[in-house]
PDB file of all heavy atoms in Angstrom:
ATOM      1  N   GLY A   1      -6.191   2.289   8.489  1.00  0.00           N
ATOM      2  CA  GLY A   1      -7.596   1.871   8.488  1.00  0.00           C
ATOM      3  C   GLY A   1      -8.290   2.090   9.796  1.00  0.00           C
ATOM      4  O   GLY A   1      -9.536   2.207   9.844  1.00  0.00           O
ATOM      5  N   THR A   2      -7.542   2.146  10.877  1.00  0.00           N
ATOM      6  CA  THR A   2      -8.148   2.400  12.195  1.00  0.00           C
ATOM      7  C   THR A   2      -8.110   3.880  12.545  1.00  0.00           C
ATOM      8  O   THR A   2      -8.370   4.195  13.698  1.00  0.00           O
ATOM      9  CB  THR A   2      -7.405   1.571  13.277  1.00  0.00           C
ATOM     10  OG1 THR A   2      -6.048   1.986  13.326  1.00  0.00           O
ATOM     11  CG2 THR A   2      -7.521   0.090  13.018  1.00  0.00           C
ATOM     12  N   GLY A   3      -7.840   4.743  11.607  1.00  0.00           N
ATOM     13  CA  GLY A   3      -7.801   6.163  11.860  1.00  0.00           C
ATOM     14  C   GLY A   3      -6.512   6.573  12.521  1.00  0.00           C
ATOM     15  O   GLY A   3      -6.473   7.501  13.326  1.00  0.00           O
ATOM     16  N   GLY A   4      -5.417   6.007  12.104  1.00  0.00           N
ATOM     17  CA  GLY A   4      -4.146   6.282  12.703  1.00  0.00           C
ATOM     18  C   GLY A   4      -3.588   7.652  12.469  1.00  0.00           C
ATOM     19  O   GLY A   4      -2.631   8.059  13.098  1.00  0.00           O
ATOM     20  N   TYR A   5      -4.176   8.395  11.556  1.00  0.00           N
ATOM     21  CA  TYR A   5      -3.715   9.782  11.326  1.00  0.00           C
ATOM     22  C   TYR A   5      -4.875  10.733  11.626  1.00  0.00           C
ATOM     23  O   TYR A   5      -6.016  10.463  11.252  1.00  0.00           O
ATOM     24  CB  TYR A   5      -3.294   9.985   9.864  1.00  0.00           C
ATOM     25  CG  TYR A   5      -1.965   9.362   9.549  1.00  0.00           C
ATOM     26  CD1 TYR A   5      -1.876   8.167   8.862  1.00  0.00           C
ATOM     27  CD2 TYR A   5      -0.779   9.952   9.945  1.00  0.00           C
ATOM     28  CE1 TYR A   5      -0.686   7.566   8.560  1.00  0.00           C
ATOM     29  CE2 TYR A   5       0.451   9.389   9.670  1.00  0.00           C
ATOM     30  CZ  TYR A   5       0.486   8.192   8.979  1.00  0.00           C
ATOM     31  OH  TYR A   5       1.703   7.621   8.695  1.00  0.00           O
ATOM     32  N   ALA A   6      -4.566  11.816  12.242  1.00  0.00           N
ATOM     33  CA  ALA A   6      -5.578  12.782  12.627  1.00  0.00           C
ATOM     34  C   ALA A   6      -6.101  13.557  11.387  1.00  0.00           C
ATOM     35  O   ALA A   6      -7.260  13.923  11.294  1.00  0.00           O
ATOM     36  CB  ALA A   6      -5.056  13.763  13.659  1.00  0.00           C
ATOM     37  N   HIS A   7      -5.223  13.808  10.436  1.00  0.00           N
ATOM     38  CA  HIS A   7      -5.575  14.600   9.239  1.00  0.00           C
ATOM     39  C   HIS A   7      -6.112  13.658   8.131  1.00  0.00           C
ATOM     40  O   HIS A   7      -5.399  12.847   7.621  1.00  0.00           O
ATOM     41  CB  HIS A   7      -4.352  15.386   8.762  1.00  0.00           C
ATOM     42  CG  HIS A   7      -4.706  16.414   7.740  1.00  0.00           C
ATOM     43  ND1 HIS A   7      -4.808  16.131   6.433  1.00  0.00           N
ATOM     44  CD2 HIS A   7      -4.996  17.741   7.893  1.00  0.00           C
ATOM     45  CE1 HIS A   7      -5.132  17.225   5.759  1.00  0.00           C
ATOM     46  NE2 HIS A   7      -5.252  18.220   6.633  1.00  0.00           N
ATOM     47  N   ILE A   8      -7.381  13.792   7.810  1.00  0.00           N
ATOM     48  CA  ILE A   8      -8.041  12.895   6.864  1.00  0.00           C
ATOM     49  C   ILE A   8      -7.390  12.915   5.495  1.00  0.00           C
ATOM     50  O   ILE A   8      -7.170  11.861   4.895  1.00  0.00           O
ATOM     51  CB  ILE A   8      -9.528  13.224   6.770  1.00  0.00           C
ATOM     52  CG1 ILE A   8     -10.221  12.930   8.071  1.00  0.00           C
ATOM     53  CG2 ILE A   8     -10.184  12.417   5.637  1.00  0.00           C
ATOM     54  CD1 ILE A   8     -11.652  13.390   8.173  1.00  0.00           C
ATOM     55  N   ASP A   9      -7.040  14.094   4.974  1.00  0.00           N
ATOM     56  CA  ASP A   9      -6.429  14.156   3.640  1.00  0.00           C
ATOM     57  C   ASP A   9      -5.088  13.418   3.581  1.00  0.00           C
ATOM     58  O   ASP A   9      -4.813  12.733   2.641  1.00  0.00           O
ATOM     59  CB  ASP A   9      -6.248  15.620   3.187  1.00  0.00           C
ATOM     60  CG  ASP A   9      -7.603  16.299   2.938  1.00  0.00           C
ATOM     61  OD1 ASP A   9      -8.572  15.574   2.648  1.00  0.00           O
ATOM     62  OD2 ASP A   9      -7.662  17.539   3.033  1.00  0.00           O
ATOM     63  N   ALA A  10      -4.280  13.624   4.609  1.00  0.00           N
ATOM     64  CA  ALA A  10      -2.984  12.948   4.638  1.00  0.00           C
ATOM     65  C   ALA A  10      -3.193  11.464   4.695  1.00  0.00           C
ATOM     66  O   ALA A  10      -2.452  10.701   4.094  1.00  0.00           O
ATOM     67  CB  ALA A  10      -2.188  13.437   5.856  1.00  0.00           C
ATOM     68  N   SER A  11      -4.182  11.015   5.442  1.00  0.00           N
ATOM     69  CA  SER A  11      -4.465   9.607   5.567  1.00  0.00           C
ATOM     70  C   SER A  11      -4.846   8.989   4.222  1.00  0.00           C
ATOM     71  O   SER A  11      -4.402   7.945   3.865  1.00  0.00           O
ATOM     72  CB  SER A  11      -5.559   9.375   6.607  1.00  0.00           C
ATOM     73  OG  SER A  11      -5.883   8.023   6.672  1.00  0.00           O
ATOM     74  N   ALA A  12      -5.719   9.700   3.477  1.00  0.00           N
ATOM     75  CA  ALA A  12      -6.179   9.173   2.180  1.00  0.00           C
ATOM     76  C   ALA A  12      -5.006   9.130   1.187  1.00  0.00           C
ATOM     77  O   ALA A  12      -4.882   8.144   0.459  1.00  0.00           O
ATOM     78  CB  ALA A  12      -7.295  10.066   1.642  1.00  0.00           C
ATOM     79  N   GLU A  13      -4.171  10.150   1.166  1.00  0.00           N
ATOM     80  CA  GLU A  13      -3.007  10.136   0.287  1.00  0.00           C
ATOM     81  C   GLU A  13      -2.035   9.042   0.655  1.00  0.00           C
ATOM     82  O   GLU A  13      -1.527   8.325  -0.206  1.00  0.00           O
ATOM     83  CB  GLU A  13      -2.293  11.500   0.345  1.00  0.00           C
ATOM     84  CG  GLU A  13      -3.088  12.626  -0.302  1.00  0.00           C
ATOM     85  CD  GLU A  13      -2.390  13.978  -0.079  1.00  0.00           C
ATOM     86  OE1 GLU A  13      -1.192  14.019   0.267  1.00  0.00           O
ATOM     87  OE2 GLU A  13      -3.075  14.995  -0.281  1.00  0.00           O
ATOM     88  N   GLN A  14      -1.787   8.906   1.941  1.00  0.00           N
ATOM     89  CA  GLN A  14      -0.889   7.852   2.424  1.00  0.00           C
ATOM     90  C   GLN A  14      -1.446   6.461   2.095  1.00  0.00           C
ATOM     91  O   GLN A  14      -0.714   5.610   1.657  1.00  0.00           O
ATOM     92  CB  GLN A  14      -0.658   7.967   3.946  1.00  0.00           C
ATOM     93  CG  GLN A  14       0.321   7.024   4.497  1.00  0.00           C
ATOM     94  CD  GLN A  14       1.762   7.358   4.118  1.00  0.00           C
ATOM     95  OE1 GLN A  14       2.045   8.393   3.571  1.00  0.00           O
ATOM     96  NE2 GLN A  14       2.637   6.437   4.431  1.00  0.00           N
ATOM     97  N   ASP A  15      -2.730   6.279   2.278  1.00  0.00           N
ATOM     98  CA  ASP A  15      -3.380   4.999   1.963  1.00  0.00           C
ATOM     99  C   ASP A  15      -3.231   4.668   0.489  1.00  0.00           C
ATOM    100  O   ASP A  15      -2.892   3.526   0.134  1.00  0.00           O
ATOM    101  CB  ASP A  15      -4.841   5.031   2.378  1.00  0.00           C
ATOM    102  CG  ASP A  15      -5.514   3.702   2.194  1.00  0.00           C
ATOM    103  OD1 ASP A  15      -5.081   2.718   2.821  1.00  0.00           O
ATOM    104  OD2 ASP A  15      -6.481   3.621   1.393  1.00  0.00           O
ATOM    105  N   THR A  16      -3.442   5.651  -0.371  1.00  0.00           N
ATOM    106  CA  THR A  16      -3.320   5.407  -1.817  1.00  0.00           C
ATOM    107  C   THR A  16      -1.894   5.018  -2.181  1.00  0.00           C
ATOM    108  O   THR A  16      -1.681   4.084  -2.934  1.00  0.00           O
ATOM    109  CB  THR A  16      -3.725   6.690  -2.595  1.00  0.00           C
ATOM    110  OG1 THR A  16      -5.077   7.006  -2.283  1.00  0.00           O
ATOM    111  CG2 THR A  16      -3.599   6.490  -4.088  1.00  0.00           C
ATOM    112  N   ALA A  17      -0.911   5.695  -1.618  1.00  0.00           N
ATOM    113  CA  ALA A  17       0.482   5.366  -1.881  1.00  0.00           C
ATOM    114  C   ALA A  17       0.831   3.965  -1.364  1.00  0.00           C
ATOM    115  O   ALA A  17       1.527   3.197  -2.048  1.00  0.00           O
ATOM    116  CB  ALA A  17       1.396   6.412  -1.247  1.00  0.00           C
ATOM    117  N   LEU A  18       0.364   3.638  -0.187  1.00  0.00           N
ATOM    118  CA  LEU A  18       0.666   2.339   0.386  1.00  0.00           C
ATOM    119  C   LEU A  18      -0.035   1.221  -0.407  1.00  0.00           C
ATOM    120  O   LEU A  18       0.522   0.137  -0.579  1.00  0.00           O
ATOM    121  CB  LEU A  18       0.246   2.291   1.856  1.00  0.00           C
ATOM    122  CG  LEU A  18       1.063   3.145   2.791  1.00  0.00           C
ATOM    123  CD1 LEU A  18       0.495   3.098   4.226  1.00  0.00           C
ATOM    124  CD2 LEU A  18       2.510   2.757   2.804  1.00  0.00           C
ATOM    125  N   GLN A  19      -1.244   1.469  -0.876  1.00  0.00           N
ATOM    126  CA  GLN A  19      -1.955   0.468  -1.698  1.00  0.00           C
ATOM    127  C   GLN A  19      -1.168   0.213  -2.987  1.00  0.00           C
ATOM    128  O   GLN A  19      -1.061  -0.943  -3.412  1.00  0.00           O
ATOM    129  CB  GLN A  19      -3.387   0.952  -2.030  1.00  0.00           C
ATOM    130  CG  GLN A  19      -4.315   1.011  -0.834  1.00  0.00           C
ATOM    131  CD  GLN A  19      -4.722  -0.379  -0.331  1.00  0.00           C
ATOM    132  OE1 GLN A  19      -4.497  -1.396  -0.969  1.00  0.00           O
ATOM    133  NE2 GLN A  19      -5.286  -0.418   0.851  1.00  0.00           N
ATOM    134  N   ALA A  20      -0.648   1.273  -3.600  1.00  0.00           N
ATOM    135  CA  ALA A  20       0.139   1.093  -4.824  1.00  0.00           C
ATOM    136  C   ALA A  20       1.407   0.311  -4.542  1.00  0.00           C
ATOM    137  O   ALA A  20       1.801  -0.569  -5.303  1.00  0.00           O
ATOM    138  CB  ALA A  20       0.487   2.471  -5.414  1.00  0.00           C
ATOM    139  N   GLU A  21       2.069   0.600  -3.413  1.00  0.00           N
ATOM    140  CA  GLU A  21       3.269  -0.132  -3.002  1.00  0.00           C
ATOM    141  C   GLU A  21       2.913  -1.599  -2.777  1.00  0.00           C
ATOM    142  O   GLU A  21       3.698  -2.499  -3.133  1.00  0.00           O
ATOM    143  CB  GLU A  21       3.877   0.500  -1.795  1.00  0.00           C
ATOM    144  CG  GLU A  21       5.185  -0.111  -1.358  1.00  0.00           C
ATOM    145  CD  GLU A  21       5.821   0.513  -0.167  1.00  0.00           C
ATOM    146  OE1 GLU A  21       5.368   1.601   0.287  1.00  0.00           O
ATOM    147  OE2 GLU A  21       6.811  -0.064   0.363  1.00  0.00           O
ATOM    148  N   ASP A  22       1.770  -1.837  -2.157  1.00  0.00           N
ATOM    149  CA  ASP A  22       1.365  -3.213  -1.902  1.00  0.00           C
ATOM    150  C   ASP A  22       1.152  -3.977  -3.213  1.00  0.00           C
ATOM    151  O   ASP A  22       1.563  -5.130  -3.322  1.00  0.00           O
ATOM    152  CB  ASP A  22       0.085  -3.252  -1.060  1.00  0.00           C
ATOM    153  CG  ASP A  22      -0.343  -4.650  -0.691  1.00  0.00           C
ATOM    154  OD1 ASP A  22       0.525  -5.443  -0.249  1.00  0.00           O
ATOM    155  OD2 ASP A  22      -1.532  -4.967  -0.876  1.00  0.00           O
ATOM    156  N   ARG A  23       0.533  -3.335  -4.209  1.00  0.00           N
ATOM    157  CA  ARG A  23       0.346  -4.011  -5.496  1.00  0.00           C
ATOM    158  C   ARG A  23       1.691  -4.342  -6.149  1.00  0.00           C
ATOM    159  O   ARG A  23       1.884  -5.432  -6.687  1.00  0.00           O
ATOM    160  CB  ARG A  23      -0.478  -3.136  -6.425  1.00  0.00           C
ATOM    161  CG  ARG A  23      -1.959  -3.166  -6.100  1.00  0.00           C
ATOM    162  CD  ARG A  23      -2.798  -2.461  -7.172  1.00  0.00           C
ATOM    163  NE  ARG A  23      -2.447  -1.064  -7.341  1.00  0.00           N
ATOM    164  CZ  ARG A  23      -2.935  -0.063  -6.574  1.00  0.00           C
ATOM    165  NH1 ARG A  23      -3.783  -0.334  -5.592  1.00  0.00           N
ATOM    166  NH2 ARG A  23      -2.584   1.174  -6.785  1.00  0.00           N
ATOM    167  N   GLU A  24       2.634  -3.393  -6.047  1.00  0.00           N
ATOM    168  CA  GLU A  24       3.953  -3.610  -6.626  1.00  0.00           C
ATOM    169  C   GLU A  24       4.690  -4.777  -5.918  1.00  0.00           C
ATOM    170  O   GLU A  24       5.263  -5.669  -6.564  1.00  0.00           O
ATOM    171  CB  GLU A  24       4.792  -2.369  -6.518  1.00  0.00           C
ATOM    172  CG  GLU A  24       6.163  -2.484  -7.100  1.00  0.00           C
ATOM    173  CD  GLU A  24       7.000  -1.197  -6.975  1.00  0.00           C
ATOM    174  OE1 GLU A  24       6.422  -0.107  -6.927  1.00  0.00           O
ATOM    175  OE2 GLU A  24       8.231  -1.341  -6.890  1.00  0.00           O
ATOM    176  N   LEU A  25       4.654  -4.775  -4.600  1.00  0.00           N
ATOM    177  CA  LEU A  25       5.276  -5.872  -3.861  1.00  0.00           C
ATOM    178  C   LEU A  25       4.605  -7.212  -4.133  1.00  0.00           C
ATOM    179  O   LEU A  25       5.268  -8.245  -4.241  1.00  0.00           O
ATOM    180  CB  LEU A  25       5.231  -5.569  -2.364  1.00  0.00           C
ATOM    181  CG  LEU A  25       6.161  -4.455  -1.871  1.00  0.00           C
ATOM    182  CD1 LEU A  25       5.932  -4.199  -0.383  1.00  0.00           C
ATOM    183  CD2 LEU A  25       7.592  -4.796  -2.128  1.00  0.00           C
ATOM    184  N   SER A  26       3.320  -7.171  -4.302  1.00  0.00           N
ATOM    185  CA  SER A  26       2.596  -8.406  -4.590  1.00  0.00           C
ATOM    186  C   SER A  26       3.024  -8.987  -5.949  1.00  0.00           C
ATOM    187  O   SER A  26       3.193 -10.187  -6.098  1.00  0.00           O
ATOM    188  CB  SER A  26       1.090  -8.126  -4.597  1.00  0.00           C
ATOM    189  OG  SER A  26       0.358  -9.319  -4.845  1.00  0.00           O
ATOM    190  N   GLU A  27       3.180  -8.122  -6.940  1.00  0.00           N
ATOM    191  CA  GLU A  27       3.646  -8.556  -8.268  1.00  0.00           C
ATOM    192  C   GLU A  27       5.065  -9.121  -8.185  1.00  0.00           C
ATOM    193  O   GLU A  27       5.365 -10.153  -8.787  1.00  0.00           O
ATOM    194  CB  GLU A  27       3.591  -7.384  -9.272  1.00  0.00           C
ATOM    195  CG  GLU A  27       2.175  -6.976  -9.637  1.00  0.00           C
ATOM    196  CD  GLU A  27       2.129  -5.701 -10.441  1.00  0.00           C
ATOM    197  OE1 GLU A  27       3.204  -5.216 -10.877  1.00  0.00           O
ATOM    198  OE2 GLU A  27       1.004  -5.189 -10.664  1.00  0.00           O
ATOM    199  N   LYS A  28       5.910  -8.469  -7.445  1.00  0.00           N
ATOM    200  CA  LYS A  28       7.299  -8.956  -7.268  1.00  0.00           C
ATOM    201  C   LYS A  28       7.291 -10.303  -6.555  1.00  0.00           C
ATOM    202  O   LYS A  28       8.031 -11.200  -6.935  1.00  0.00           O
ATOM    203  CB  LYS A  28       8.123  -7.955  -6.466  1.00  0.00           C
ATOM    204  CG  LYS A  28       8.521  -6.724  -7.255  1.00  0.00           C
ATOM    205  CD  LYS A  28       9.394  -5.796  -6.412  1.00  0.00           C
ATOM    206  CE  LYS A  28       9.766  -4.560  -7.198  1.00  0.00           C
ATOM    207  NZ  LYS A  28      10.604  -3.656  -6.389  1.00  0.00           N
ATOM    208  N   ARG A  29       6.427 -10.433  -5.554  1.00  0.00           N
ATOM    209  CA  ARG A  29       6.357 -11.671  -4.800  1.00  0.00           C
ATOM    210  C   ARG A  29       5.870 -12.821  -5.671  1.00  0.00           C
ATOM    211  O   ARG A  29       6.385 -13.920  -5.623  1.00  0.00           O
ATOM    212  CB  ARG A  29       5.453 -11.497  -3.589  1.00  0.00           C
ATOM    213  CG  ARG A  29       5.395 -12.662  -2.661  1.00  0.00           C
ATOM    214  CD  ARG A  29       4.642 -12.309  -1.375  1.00  0.00           C
ATOM    215  NE  ARG A  29       4.591 -13.437  -0.504  1.00  0.00           N
ATOM    216  CZ  ARG A  29       3.517 -14.195  -0.324  1.00  0.00           C
ATOM    217  NH1 ARG A  29       2.419 -13.929  -0.982  1.00  0.00           N
ATOM    218  NH2 ARG A  29       3.573 -15.229   0.508  1.00  0.00           N
ATOM    219  N   HIS A  30       4.891 -12.518  -6.525  1.00  0.00           N
ATOM    220  CA  HIS A  30       4.380 -13.537  -7.437  1.00  0.00           C
ATOM    221  C   HIS A  30       5.490 -14.021  -8.382  1.00  0.00           C
ATOM    222  O   HIS A  30       5.690 -15.210  -8.586  1.00  0.00           O
ATOM    223  CB  HIS A  30       3.187 -12.975  -8.234  1.00  0.00           C
ATOM    224  CG  HIS A  30       2.580 -13.945  -9.169  1.00  0.00           C
ATOM    225  ND1 HIS A  30       1.774 -14.968  -8.766  1.00  0.00           N
ATOM    226  CD2 HIS A  30       2.687 -14.049 -10.529  1.00  0.00           C
ATOM    227  CE1 HIS A  30       1.392 -15.665  -9.823  1.00  0.00           C
ATOM    228  NE2 HIS A  30       1.941 -15.130 -10.904  1.00  0.00           N
ATOM    229  N   ALA A  31       6.233 -13.071  -8.945  1.00  0.00           N
ATOM    230  CA  ALA A  31       7.325 -13.440  -9.866  1.00  0.00           C
ATOM    231  C   ALA A  31       8.433 -14.210  -9.124  1.00  0.00           C
ATOM    232  O   ALA A  31       8.973 -15.167  -9.656  1.00  0.00           O
ATOM    233  CB  ALA A  31       7.897 -12.159 -10.498  1.00  0.00           C
ATOM    234  N   LEU A  32       8.734 -13.798  -7.939  1.00  0.00           N
ATOM    235  CA  LEU A  32       9.739 -14.447  -7.121  1.00  0.00           C
ATOM    236  C   LEU A  32       9.322 -15.886  -6.813  1.00  0.00           C
ATOM    237  O   LEU A  32      10.152 -16.789  -6.902  1.00  0.00           O
ATOM    238  CB  LEU A  32       9.992 -13.683  -5.855  1.00  0.00           C
ATOM    239  CG  LEU A  32      11.036 -14.216  -4.881  1.00  0.00           C
ATOM    240  CD1 LEU A  32      12.420 -14.239  -5.552  1.00  0.00           C
ATOM    241  CD2 LEU A  32      11.103 -13.330  -3.657  1.00  0.00           C
ATOM    242  N   HIS A  33       8.059 -16.076  -6.468  1.00  0.00           N
ATOM    243  CA  HIS A  33       7.592 -17.434  -6.179  1.00  0.00           C
ATOM    244  C   HIS A  33       7.653 -18.324  -7.402  1.00  0.00           C
ATOM    245  O   HIS A  33       7.969 -19.493  -7.294  1.00  0.00           O
ATOM    246  CB  HIS A  33       6.170 -17.410  -5.612  1.00  0.00           C
ATOM    247  CG  HIS A  33       6.160 -17.216  -4.121  1.00  0.00           C
ATOM    248  ND1 HIS A  33       6.184 -18.257  -3.247  1.00  0.00           N
ATOM    249  CD2 HIS A  33       6.132 -16.075  -3.386  1.00  0.00           C
ATOM    250  CE1 HIS A  33       6.156 -17.779  -2.006  1.00  0.00           C
ATOM    251  NE2 HIS A  33       6.146 -16.468  -2.044  1.00  0.00           N
ATOM    252  N   ALA A  34       7.388 -17.767  -8.592  1.00  0.00           N
ATOM    253  CA  ALA A  34       7.489 -18.558  -9.811  1.00  0.00           C
ATOM    254  C   ALA A  34       8.912 -19.010 -10.014  1.00  0.00           C
ATOM    255  O   ALA A  34       9.160 -20.182 -10.394  1.00  0.00           O
ATOM    256  CB  ALA A  34       7.000 -17.730 -11.000  1.00  0.00           C
ATOM    257  N   GLN A  35       9.904 -18.126  -9.786  1.00  0.00           N
ATOM    258  CA  GLN A  35      11.285 -18.477  -9.943  1.00  0.00           C
ATOM    259  C   GLN A  35      11.679 -19.557  -8.908  1.00  0.00           C
ATOM    260  O   GLN A  35      12.376 -20.518  -9.236  1.00  0.00           O
ATOM    261  CB  GLN A  35      12.187 -17.243  -9.720  1.00  0.00           C
ATOM    262  CG  GLN A  35      11.996 -16.177 -10.756  1.00  0.00           C
ATOM    263  CD  GLN A  35      12.704 -14.916 -10.323  1.00  0.00           C
ATOM    264  OE1 GLN A  35      13.556 -14.923  -9.440  1.00  0.00           O
ATOM    265  NE2 GLN A  35      12.357 -13.797 -10.926  1.00  0.00           N
TER     266      GLN A  35
END
């Protein structure tokens, strides 16, 4: 988010992948907390 990558396309692709991973981890965390 602070422009950590010089190549804009790589940054956008990486951000999309990390956002998806964050959603997955968030779902796992929610299920884990319920248990």
